Amino acid sequence: MTIRVRRVAAACALGAALTACGAPSAPHASRPAPSAPTAAVSSRPPTLAPGPAGLTPVFKNGPRVDGKTVALTFDADMTADEGPRAAAGEHFDNPQLISTLRTLKVPATVFMTGRWADEYPAEARAIGRDPQFEIANHSYSHYAFTGDCYGLPTVSPDRMKADVERAYTAFKKAGVANAMPYFRFPGGCYDRQALKTLSAVGVTAVQWDVVSGDAFATDSDAVAQQVLEGVKPGSVVVMHCTRSAAPATEKAVRMIVPELRKKGYRFVKVSELIGAADRHR
């Protein structure tokens, strides 16, 4: 997938891409807010309170004063109309990246489209069942929730809620038991209308403060440098997990992780940063 942050007025651009990951399957539900059946109340994923007028809250980064934590996030994108490309042999997953994250013992949050989970159910299930990872929602279709978003097709306002819920249904069908109540807009594009429409779903929208530039990139050194120069305590880094759309990512991760650890950073999932942000409110 590709990203662009558009906050009502403007933002941060990245480029449009389609991405995907591969590995263990896990988290849950056809509803954004998991019901935590096997755990106590304390195990419920942290979320942010609704914004003004009850709008879906938007999370960009964690507290800057809570120690050197950083969350690597990976968008597992596959657009609803890309089935023929996958059938022709294009790889929207990246099992080697997931394997590298496991080897390096780096927790991560994977923002997955429902269409990707339909295409790679075993990998979705594996990622979801691995406690090192958490799966969050990236829509079913990977169609934009605003106009003018990297050329992506758009979802009409009356279909936005259904598109998000369909992704949770796809995760559950793949065997992901506890998908997180977090949502990343396709392309990072959103506006007030989208935030209002999704308020009924009960998710926290998750953006980022560090753009890796890995979408369609072939220079892993440049990707690594961009991340290393941008990370601050509490940062959320947006990357991609797709062999076809982000071929340099796995190698870049192998450079990024040891360098950030040398600087004293600890890798966490998005849920930990959201929990810390909620405590600081």
C-alpha atoms as a PDB file:
ATOM      1  CA  MET A   1       0.000   0.000   0.000  1.00  0.00           C
ATOM      2  CA  THR A   2       1.131   3.410  -0.209  1.00  0.00           C
ATOM      3  CA  ILE A   3       0.809   6.232   1.972  1.00  0.00           C
ATOM      4  CA  ARG A   4      -0.053   9.745   2.347  1.00  0.00           C
ATOM      5  CA  VAL A   5      -1.106  11.479   5.428  1.00  0.00           C
ATOM      6  CA  ARG A   6      -3.827  13.884   4.824  1.00  0.00           C
ATOM      7  CA  ARG A   7      -5.253  15.314   7.997  1.00  0.00           C
ATOM      8  CA  VAL A   8      -8.170  17.638   7.176  1.00  0.00           C
ATOM      9  CA  ALA A   9      -5.806  20.268   5.856  1.00  0.00           C
ATOM     10  CA  ALA A  10      -2.690  18.584   4.666  1.00  0.00           C
ATOM     11  CA  ALA A  11       0.182  16.504   5.448  1.00  0.00           C
ATOM     12  CA  CYS A  12       2.802  14.065   4.631  1.00  0.00           C
ATOM     13  CA  ALA A  13       3.102  12.282   1.337  1.00  0.00           C
ATOM     14  CA  LEU A  14       4.490   8.984   0.383  1.00  0.00           C
ATOM     15  CA  GLY A  15       3.334   7.510  -2.825  1.00  0.00           C
ATOM     16  CA  ALA A  16       0.783   4.991  -3.718  1.00  0.00           C
ATOM     17  CA  ALA A  17       1.713   1.397  -3.340  1.00  0.00           C
ATOM     18  CA  LEU A  18       0.257  -1.972  -2.747  1.00  0.00           C
ATOM     19  CA  THR A  19       1.860  -4.187  -0.216  1.00  0.00           C
ATOM     20  CA  ALA A  20       1.579  -7.348   1.738  1.00  0.00           C
ATOM     21  CA  CYS A  21       3.143  -9.541   4.296  1.00  0.00           C
ATOM     22  CA  GLY A  22       3.451 -13.161   5.214  1.00  0.00           C
ATOM     23  CA  ALA A  23       3.552 -15.078   8.456  1.00  0.00           C
ATOM     24  CA  PRO A  24       1.570 -16.435  11.442  1.00  0.00           C
ATOM     25  CA  SER A  25      -2.092 -15.716  11.878  1.00  0.00           C
ATOM     26  CA  ALA A  26      -3.759 -14.265  14.840  1.00  0.00           C
ATOM     27  CA  PRO A  27      -6.032 -11.654  16.311  1.00  0.00           C
ATOM     28  CA  HIS A  28      -9.782 -11.704  16.109  1.00  0.00           C
ATOM     29  CA  ALA A  29     -12.972 -10.482  14.993  1.00  0.00           C
ATOM     30  CA  SER A  30     -15.419  -9.024  12.667  1.00  0.00           C
ATOM     31  CA  ARG A  31     -15.758  -6.053  15.019  1.00  0.00           C
ATOM     32  CA  PRO A  32     -13.000  -3.571  15.551  1.00  0.00           C
ATOM     33  CA  ALA A  33     -13.119  -3.707  19.305  1.00  0.00           C
ATOM     34  CA  PRO A  34     -12.163  -7.248  20.361  1.00  0.00           C
ATOM     35  CA  SER A  35     -14.102  -8.782  23.192  1.00  0.00           C
ATOM     36  CA  ALA A  36     -11.066 -10.332  24.894  1.00  0.00           C
ATOM     37  CA  PRO A  37     -12.747 -13.636  25.742  1.00  0.00           C
ATOM     38  CA  THR A  38      -9.811 -15.404  27.339  1.00  0.00           C
ATOM     39  CA  ALA A  39      -8.330 -12.528  29.273  1.00  0.00           C
ATOM     40  CA  ALA A  40      -9.205 -10.084  31.962  1.00  0.00           C
ATOM     41  CA  VAL A  41     -10.225  -6.499  31.412  1.00  0.00           C
ATOM     42  CA  SER A  42      -6.592  -5.422  31.538  1.00  0.00           C
ATOM     43  CA  SER A  43      -5.905  -7.405  28.379  1.00  0.00           C
ATOM     44  CA  ARG A  44      -8.266  -5.345  26.259  1.00  0.00           C
ATOM     45  CA  PRO A  45      -6.307  -3.394  23.644  1.00  0.00           C
ATOM     46  CA  PRO A  46      -5.842   0.261  24.553  1.00  0.00           C
ATOM     47  CA  THR A  47      -7.667   2.789  22.407  1.00  0.00           C
ATOM     48  CA  LEU A  48      -8.013   6.552  22.399  1.00  0.00           C
ATOM     49  CA  ALA A  49     -11.170   8.369  23.385  1.00  0.00           C
ATOM     50  CA  PRO A  50     -13.243   9.807  20.535  1.00  0.00           C
ATOM     51  CA  GLY A  51     -12.199  13.208  19.286  1.00  0.00           C
ATOM     52  CA  PRO A  52     -14.286  16.408  19.187  1.00  0.00           C
ATOM     53  CA  ALA A  53     -17.913  15.790  18.227  1.00  0.00           C
ATOM     54  CA  GLY A  54     -17.315  12.064  18.689  1.00  0.00           C
ATOM     55  CA  LEU A  55     -15.042  11.760  15.655  1.00  0.00           C
ATOM     56  CA  THR A  56     -12.777   8.726  15.296  1.00  0.00           C
ATOM     57  CA  PRO A  57      -9.567   9.522  17.230  1.00  0.00           C
ATOM     58  CA  VAL A  58      -6.324   9.752  15.261  1.00  0.00           C
ATOM     59  CA  PHE A  59      -3.015   8.524  16.683  1.00  0.00           C
ATOM     60  CA  LYS A  60       0.262   9.645  15.111  1.00  0.00           C
ATOM     61  CA  ASN A  61       3.005   8.925  17.652  1.00  0.00           C
ATOM     62  CA  GLY A  62       3.536   8.028  21.285  1.00  0.00           C
ATOM     63  CA  PRO A  63       4.821  10.244  24.099  1.00  0.00           C
ATOM     64  CA  ARG A  64       8.255  11.739  23.502  1.00  0.00           C
ATOM     65  CA  VAL A  65       9.079  11.527  27.216  1.00  0.00           C
ATOM     66  CA  ASP A  66       8.364   7.866  27.922  1.00  0.00           C
ATOM     67  CA  GLY A  67      11.768   6.463  27.040  1.00  0.00           C
ATOM     68  CA  LYS A  68      13.200   5.515  23.664  1.00  0.00           C
ATOM     69  CA  THR A  69      10.434   3.423  22.162  1.00  0.00           C
ATOM     70  CA  VAL A  70       9.641   3.057  18.463  1.00  0.00           C
ATOM     71  CA  ALA A  71       6.991   1.084  16.588  1.00  0.00           C
ATOM     72  CA  LEU A  72       7.708  -0.382  13.167  1.00  0.00           C
ATOM     73  CA  THR A  73       4.475  -0.853  11.253  1.00  0.00           C
ATOM     74  CA  PHE A  74       4.031  -2.715   7.979  1.00  0.00           C
ATOM     75  CA  ASP A  75       1.135  -2.305   5.571  1.00  0.00           C
ATOM     76  CA  ALA A  76       0.070  -5.594   4.008  1.00  0.00           C
ATOM     77  CA  ASP A  77      -1.750  -4.200   1.027  1.00  0.00           C
ATOM     78  CA  MET A  78      -3.695  -5.853  -1.673  1.00  0.00           C
ATOM     79  CA  THR A  79      -6.403  -3.949  -3.499  1.00  0.00           C
ATOM     80  CA  ALA A  80      -9.758  -5.603  -4.131  1.00  0.00           C
ATOM     81  CA  ASP A  81      -9.236  -5.709  -7.909  1.00  0.00           C
ATOM     82  CA  GLU A  82      -5.728  -7.222  -7.876  1.00  0.00           C
ATOM     83  CA  GLY A  83      -6.760 -10.861  -7.837  1.00  0.00           C
ATOM     84  CA  PRO A  84      -5.780 -11.391 -11.494  1.00  0.00           C
ATOM     85  CA  ARG A  85      -2.290 -10.034 -10.789  1.00  0.00           C
ATOM     86  CA  ALA A  86      -1.858 -12.425  -7.893  1.00  0.00           C
ATOM     87  CA  ALA A  87      -3.129 -15.293 -10.051  1.00  0.00           C
ATOM     88  CA  ALA A  88      -0.535 -14.336 -12.668  1.00  0.00           C
ATOM     89  CA  GLY A  89       2.250 -14.716 -10.110  1.00  0.00           C
ATOM     90  CA  GLU A  90       2.694 -11.294  -8.514  1.00  0.00           C
ATOM     91  CA  HIS A  91       3.619 -11.592  -4.828  1.00  0.00           C
ATOM     92  CA  PHE A  92       1.794  -9.279  -2.456  1.00  0.00           C
ATOM     93  CA  ASP A  93       3.267 -11.033   0.569  1.00  0.00           C
ATOM     94  CA  ASN A  94       6.790 -10.984   2.016  1.00  0.00           C
ATOM     95  CA  PRO A  95       7.512 -14.058   4.160  1.00  0.00           C
ATOM     96  CA  GLN A  96      11.232 -13.207   4.307  1.00  0.00           C
ATOM     97  CA  LEU A  97      10.493  -9.873   5.984  1.00  0.00           C
ATOM     98  CA  ILE A  98       8.356 -11.553   8.639  1.00  0.00           C
ATOM     99  CA  SER A  99      11.074 -14.166   9.157  1.00  0.00           C
ATOM    100  CA  THR A 100      13.680 -11.411   9.582  1.00  0.00           C
ATOM    101  CA  LEU A 101      11.545  -9.627  12.163  1.00  0.00           C
ATOM    102  CA  ARG A 102      11.235 -12.893  14.077  1.00  0.00           C
ATOM    103  CA  THR A 103      14.958 -13.555  13.910  1.00  0.00           C
ATOM    104  CA  LEU A 104      15.739 -10.029  15.104  1.00  0.00           C
ATOM    105  CA  LYS A 105      13.042 -10.328  17.796  1.00  0.00           C
ATOM    106  CA  VAL A 106      11.346  -7.128  16.697  1.00  0.00           C
ATOM    107  CA  PRO A 107       7.683  -6.739  17.708  1.00  0.00           C
ATOM    108  CA  ALA A 108       5.627  -5.143  14.953  1.00  0.00           C
ATOM    109  CA  THR A 109       2.114  -4.149  13.958  1.00  0.00           C
ATOM    110  CA  VAL A 110       0.843  -5.304  10.567  1.00  0.00           C
ATOM    111  CA  PHE A 111      -1.942  -3.240   9.006  1.00  0.00           C
ATOM    112  CA  MET A 112      -3.602  -5.761   6.731  1.00  0.00           C
ATOM    113  CA  THR A 113      -6.290  -5.462   4.095  1.00  0.00           C
ATOM    114  CA  GLY A 114      -9.059  -8.016   4.131  1.00  0.00           C
ATOM    115  CA  ARG A 115      -8.360  -8.807   0.488  1.00  0.00           C
ATOM    116  CA  TRP A 116      -4.777  -9.696   1.464  1.00  0.00           C
ATOM    117  CA  ALA A 117      -6.055 -12.020   4.199  1.00  0.00           C
ATOM    118  CA  ASP A 118      -8.323 -13.698   1.655  1.00  0.00           C
ATOM    119  CA  GLU A 119      -5.357 -14.241  -0.678  1.00  0.00           C
ATOM    120  CA  TYR A 120      -2.900 -15.428   1.998  1.00  0.00           C
ATOM    121  CA  PRO A 121      -5.004 -16.931   4.814  1.00  0.00           C
ATOM    122  CA  ALA A 122      -2.251 -19.207   6.144  1.00  0.00           C
ATOM    123  CA  GLU A 123       0.183 -16.306   6.402  1.00  0.00           C
ATOM    124  CA  ALA A 124      -2.437 -14.064   8.006  1.00  0.00           C
ATOM    125  CA  ARG A 125      -3.228 -16.799  10.509  1.00  0.00           C
ATOM    126  CA  ALA A 126       0.452 -17.336  11.314  1.00  0.00           C
ATOM    127  CA  ILE A 127       1.112 -13.639  11.872  1.00  0.00           C
ATOM    128  CA  GLY A 128      -1.979 -13.340  14.022  1.00  0.00           C
ATOM    129  CA  ARG A 129      -1.057 -16.269  16.245  1.00  0.00           C
ATOM    130  CA  ASP A 130       2.480 -15.066  16.829  1.00  0.00           C
ATOM    131  CA  PRO A 131       2.631 -12.975  20.028  1.00  0.00           C
ATOM    132  CA  GLN A 132       5.465 -10.971  18.493  1.00  0.00           C
ATOM    133  CA  PHE A 133       2.984  -9.370  16.096  1.00  0.00           C
ATOM    134  CA  GLU A 134      -0.435  -7.771  16.115  1.00  0.00           C
ATOM    135  CA  ILE A 135      -2.769  -7.416  13.147  1.00  0.00           C
ATOM    136  CA  ALA A 136      -4.749  -4.230  12.595  1.00  0.00           C
ATOM    137  CA  ASN A 137      -7.245  -3.147   9.948  1.00  0.00           C
ATOM    138  CA  HIS A 138      -6.250  -1.488   6.677  1.00  0.00           C
ATOM    139  CA  SER A 139      -9.725  -1.754   5.077  1.00  0.00           C
ATOM    140  CA  TYR A 140     -10.948  -4.641   2.974  1.00  0.00           C
ATOM    141  CA  SER A 141     -10.502  -3.104  -0.465  1.00  0.00           C
ATOM    142  CA  HIS A 142      -7.580  -0.685  -0.056  1.00  0.00           C
ATOM    143  CA  TYR A 143      -9.725   1.883  -1.831  1.00  0.00           C
ATOM    144  CA  ALA A 144      -9.353   5.472  -0.640  1.00  0.00           C
ATOM    145  CA  PHE A 145     -11.661   7.047   1.928  1.00  0.00           C
ATOM    146  CA  THR A 146     -11.243  10.467   0.296  1.00  0.00           C
ATOM    147  CA  GLY A 147     -10.933  11.706  -3.251  1.00  0.00           C
ATOM    148  CA  ASP A 148      -7.570  12.510  -4.849  1.00  0.00           C
ATOM    149  CA  CYS A 149      -5.541   9.894  -2.950  1.00  0.00           C
ATOM    150  CA  TYR A 150      -2.672   8.653  -5.100  1.00  0.00           C
ATOM    151  CA  GLY A 151      -5.065   7.634  -7.840  1.00  0.00           C
ATOM    152  CA  LEU A 152      -6.726   4.948  -5.722  1.00  0.00           C
ATOM    153  CA  PRO A 153     -10.358   4.084  -6.430  1.00  0.00           C
ATOM    154  CA  THR A 154     -12.624   5.517  -3.728  1.00  0.00           C
ATOM    155  CA  VAL A 155     -15.107   4.085  -1.267  1.00  0.00           C
ATOM    156  CA  SER A 156     -18.355   6.032  -1.017  1.00  0.00           C
ATOM    157  CA  PRO A 157     -19.250   7.314   2.475  1.00  0.00           C
ATOM    158  CA  ASP A 158     -22.176   4.900   2.711  1.00  0.00           C
ATOM    159  CA  ARG A 159     -19.796   1.936   2.158  1.00  0.00           C
ATOM    160  CA  MET A 160     -16.897   2.952   4.433  1.00  0.00           C
ATOM    161  CA  LYS A 161     -18.157   1.277   7.607  1.00  0.00           C
ATOM    162  CA  ALA A 162     -19.002  -1.920   5.726  1.00  0.00           C
ATOM    163  CA  ASP A 163     -15.564  -1.987   4.105  1.00  0.00           C
ATOM    164  CA  VAL A 164     -13.805  -1.832   7.486  1.00  0.00           C
ATOM    165  CA  GLU A 165     -16.092  -4.448   9.011  1.00  0.00           C
ATOM    166  CA  ARG A 166     -15.615  -6.719   5.993  1.00  0.00           C
ATOM    167  CA  ALA A 167     -11.881  -6.711   6.677  1.00  0.00           C
ATOM    168  CA  TYR A 168     -12.461  -7.920  10.244  1.00  0.00           C
ATOM    169  CA  THR A 169     -14.685 -10.660   8.841  1.00  0.00           C
ATOM    170  CA  ALA A 170     -11.906 -11.696   6.448  1.00  0.00           C
ATOM    171  CA  PHE A 171      -9.400 -11.835   9.325  1.00  0.00           C
ATOM    172  CA  LYS A 172     -11.732 -14.045  11.332  1.00  0.00           C
ATOM    173  CA  LYS A 173     -12.297 -16.326   8.334  1.00  0.00           C
ATOM    174  CA  ALA A 174      -8.515 -16.682   7.931  1.00  0.00           C
ATOM    175  CA  GLY A 175      -8.184 -17.698  11.585  1.00  0.00           C
ATOM    176  CA  VAL A 176      -7.078 -14.396  13.087  1.00  0.00           C
ATOM    177  CA  ALA A 177      -8.753 -14.430  16.472  1.00  0.00           C
ATOM    178  CA  ASN A 178      -8.006 -11.026  17.970  1.00  0.00           C
ATOM    179  CA  ALA A 179      -7.474  -8.352  15.350  1.00  0.00           C
ATOM    180  CA  MET A 180      -6.758  -5.025  17.005  1.00  0.00           C
ATOM    181  CA  PRO A 181      -9.257  -2.121  17.084  1.00  0.00           C
ATOM    182  CA  TYR A 182      -6.897   0.043  15.020  1.00  0.00           C
ATOM    183  CA  PHE A 183      -7.447   1.270  11.477  1.00  0.00           C
ATOM    184  CA  ARG A 184      -5.057   2.768   8.943  1.00  0.00           C
ATOM    185  CA  PHE A 185      -6.622   4.645   6.054  1.00  0.00           C
ATOM    186  CA  PRO A 186      -5.532   3.450   2.602  1.00  0.00           C
ATOM    187  CA  GLY A 187      -2.939   5.905   1.346  1.00  0.00           C
ATOM    188  CA  GLY A 188      -3.125   7.578   4.762  1.00  0.00           C
ATOM    189  CA  CYS A 189      -5.848   9.813   3.302  1.00  0.00           C
ATOM    190  CA  TYR A 190      -8.769  10.895   5.460  1.00  0.00           C
ATOM    191  CA  ASP A 191     -11.007  13.856   6.157  1.00  0.00           C
ATOM    192  CA  ARG A 192     -13.665  14.848   8.679  1.00  0.00           C
ATOM    193  CA  GLN A 193     -16.354  12.933   6.805  1.00  0.00           C
ATOM    194  CA  ALA A 194     -14.352   9.704   6.999  1.00  0.00           C
ATOM    195  CA  LEU A 195     -13.624  10.189  10.708  1.00  0.00           C
ATOM    196  CA  LYS A 196     -17.310  10.841  11.368  1.00  0.00           C
ATOM    197  CA  THR A 197     -18.448   7.828   9.350  1.00  0.00           C
ATOM    198  CA  LEU A 198     -16.092   5.422  11.099  1.00  0.00           C
ATOM    199  CA  SER A 199     -16.956   6.628  14.594  1.00  0.00           C
ATOM    200  CA  ALA A 200     -19.614   3.910  14.754  1.00  0.00           C
ATOM    201  CA  VAL A 201     -16.990   1.207  14.197  1.00  0.00           C
ATOM    202  CA  GLY A 202     -15.095   2.001  17.381  1.00  0.00           C
ATOM    203  CA  VAL A 203     -11.550   2.059  16.019  1.00  0.00           C
ATOM    204  CA  THR A 204      -8.581   4.317  16.658  1.00  0.00           C
ATOM    205  CA  ALA A 205      -7.123   5.584  13.365  1.00  0.00           C
ATOM    206  CA  VAL A 206      -3.354   5.090  13.272  1.00  0.00           C
ATOM    207  CA  GLN A 207      -1.117   7.297  11.126  1.00  0.00           C
ATOM    208  CA  TRP A 208       2.659   7.775  11.598  1.00  0.00           C
ATOM    209  CA  ASP A 209       5.348  10.412  12.070  1.00  0.00           C
ATOM    210  CA  VAL A 210       8.150   8.711  10.096  1.00  0.00           C
ATOM    211  CA  VAL A 211       7.743   7.861   6.408  1.00  0.00           C
ATOM    212  CA  SER A 212      10.258   5.190   5.390  1.00  0.00           C
ATOM    213  CA  GLY A 213       9.967   5.874   1.665  1.00  0.00           C
ATOM    214  CA  ASP A 214      10.077   2.133   0.958  1.00  0.00           C
ATOM    215  CA  ALA A 215       7.118   2.062  -1.429  1.00  0.00           C
ATOM    216  CA  PHE A 216       8.533   0.981  -4.799  1.00  0.00           C
ATOM    217  CA  ALA A 217      12.042   1.793  -3.543  1.00  0.00           C
ATOM    218  CA  THR A 218      15.004  -0.289  -4.684  1.00  0.00           C
ATOM    219  CA  ASP A 219      17.705   1.410  -2.596  1.00  0.00           C
ATOM    220  CA  SER A 220      17.593  -0.176   0.868  1.00  0.00           C
ATOM    221  CA  ASP A 221      20.384   2.113   2.119  1.00  0.00           C
ATOM    222  CA  ALA A 222      18.287   5.190   1.334  1.00  0.00           C
ATOM    223  CA  VAL A 223      15.245   3.694   3.057  1.00  0.00           C
ATOM    224  CA  ALA A 224      17.278   2.859   6.163  1.00  0.00           C
ATOM    225  CA  GLN A 225      18.840   6.317   6.252  1.00  0.00           C
ATOM    226  CA  GLN A 226      15.472   8.040   5.979  1.00  0.00           C
ATOM    227  CA  VAL A 227      14.107   6.032   8.897  1.00  0.00           C
ATOM    228  CA  LEU A 228      17.195   6.494  11.073  1.00  0.00           C
ATOM    229  CA  GLU A 229      17.168  10.245  10.495  1.00  0.00           C
ATOM    230  CA  GLY A 230      13.464  10.554  11.271  1.00  0.00           C
ATOM    231  CA  VAL A 231      12.958   8.419  14.371  1.00  0.00           C
ATOM    232  CA  LYS A 232      12.340  10.120  17.723  1.00  0.00           C
ATOM    233  CA  PRO A 233      11.144   8.608  21.013  1.00  0.00           C
ATOM    234  CA  GLY A 234       7.580   7.395  20.521  1.00  0.00           C
ATOM    235  CA  SER A 235       7.789   7.327  16.713  1.00  0.00           C
ATOM    236  CA  VAL A 236       5.543   5.238  14.477  1.00  0.00           C
ATOM    237  CA  VAL A 237       7.360   4.224  11.276  1.00  0.00           C
ATOM    238  CA  VAL A 238       5.311   3.289   8.231  1.00  0.00           C
ATOM    239  CA  MET A 239       6.762   0.586   5.988  1.00  0.00           C
ATOM    240  CA  HIS A 240       5.420  -2.060   3.661  1.00  0.00           C
ATOM    241  CA  CYS A 241       5.406  -5.823   3.577  1.00  0.00           C
ATOM    242  CA  THR A 242       5.093  -6.729  -0.092  1.00  0.00           C
ATOM    243  CA  ARG A 243       7.694  -8.224  -2.347  1.00  0.00           C
ATOM    244  CA  SER A 244       6.346  -6.617  -5.513  1.00  0.00           C
ATOM    245  CA  ALA A 245       5.756  -3.081  -4.183  1.00  0.00           C
ATOM    246  CA  ALA A 246       8.504  -2.745  -1.577  1.00  0.00           C
ATOM    247  CA  PRO A 247      11.418  -4.987  -2.563  1.00  0.00           C
ATOM    248  CA  ALA A 248      14.036  -3.122  -0.493  1.00  0.00           C
ATOM    249  CA  THR A 249      12.239  -3.252   2.854  1.00  0.00           C
ATOM    250  CA  GLU A 250      13.598  -6.487   4.303  1.00  0.00           C
ATOM    251  CA  LYS A 251      17.212  -5.481   3.733  1.00  0.00           C
ATOM    252  CA  ALA A 252      16.521  -1.997   5.109  1.00  0.00           C
ATOM    253  CA  VAL A 253      15.075  -3.504   8.289  1.00  0.00           C
ATOM    254  CA  ARG A 254      18.268  -5.482   8.810  1.00  0.00           C
ATOM    255  CA  MET A 255      20.145  -2.165   8.828  1.00  0.00           C
ATOM    256  CA  ILE A 256      17.619  -0.138  10.813  1.00  0.00           C
ATOM    257  CA  VAL A 257      17.152  -2.476  13.767  1.00  0.00           C
ATOM    258  CA  PRO A 258      20.755  -2.775  15.017  1.00  0.00           C
ATOM    259  CA  GLU A 259      21.391   0.953  14.520  1.00  0.00           C
ATOM    260  CA  LEU A 260      18.358   1.985  16.540  1.00  0.00           C
ATOM    261  CA  ARG A 261      19.260  -0.502  19.254  1.00  0.00           C
ATOM    262  CA  LYS A 262      22.732   1.021  19.437  1.00  0.00           C
ATOM    263  CA  LYS A 263      21.030   4.360  20.079  1.00  0.00           C
ATOM    264  CA  GLY A 264      19.082   2.834  22.952  1.00  0.00           C
ATOM    265  CA  TYR A 265      15.724   2.327  21.252  1.00  0.00           C
ATOM    266  CA  ARG A 266      13.306  -0.428  22.227  1.00  0.00           C
ATOM    267  CA  PHE A 267      10.895  -1.795  19.617  1.00  0.00           C
ATOM    268  CA  VAL A 268       7.229  -2.017  20.599  1.00  0.00           C
ATOM    269  CA  LYS A 269       3.860  -2.604  18.988  1.00  0.00           C
ATOM    270  CA  VAL A 270       1.473   0.251  18.284  1.00  0.00           C
ATOM    271  CA  SER A 271      -0.763  -0.926  21.126  1.00  0.00           C
ATOM    272  CA  GLU A 272       1.988  -0.137  23.650  1.00  0.00           C
ATOM    273  CA  LEU A 273       2.418   3.384  22.307  1.00  0.00           C
ATOM    274  CA  ILE A 274      -1.341   4.001  22.342  1.00  0.00           C
ATOM    275  CA  GLY A 275      -1.503   2.744  25.909  1.00  0.00           C
ATOM    276  CA  ALA A 276       1.293   5.122  26.898  1.00  0.00           C
ATOM    277  CA  ALA A 277      -0.401   8.031  25.119  1.00  0.00           C
ATOM    278  CA  ASP A 278      -3.662   7.309  26.899  1.00  0.00           C
ATOM    279  CA  ARG A 279      -1.909   7.307  30.277  1.00  0.00           C
ATOM    280  CA  HIS A 280      -0.357  10.708  29.527  1.00  0.00           C
ATOM    281  CA  ARG A 281      -3.700  12.336  28.786  1.00  0.00           C
END
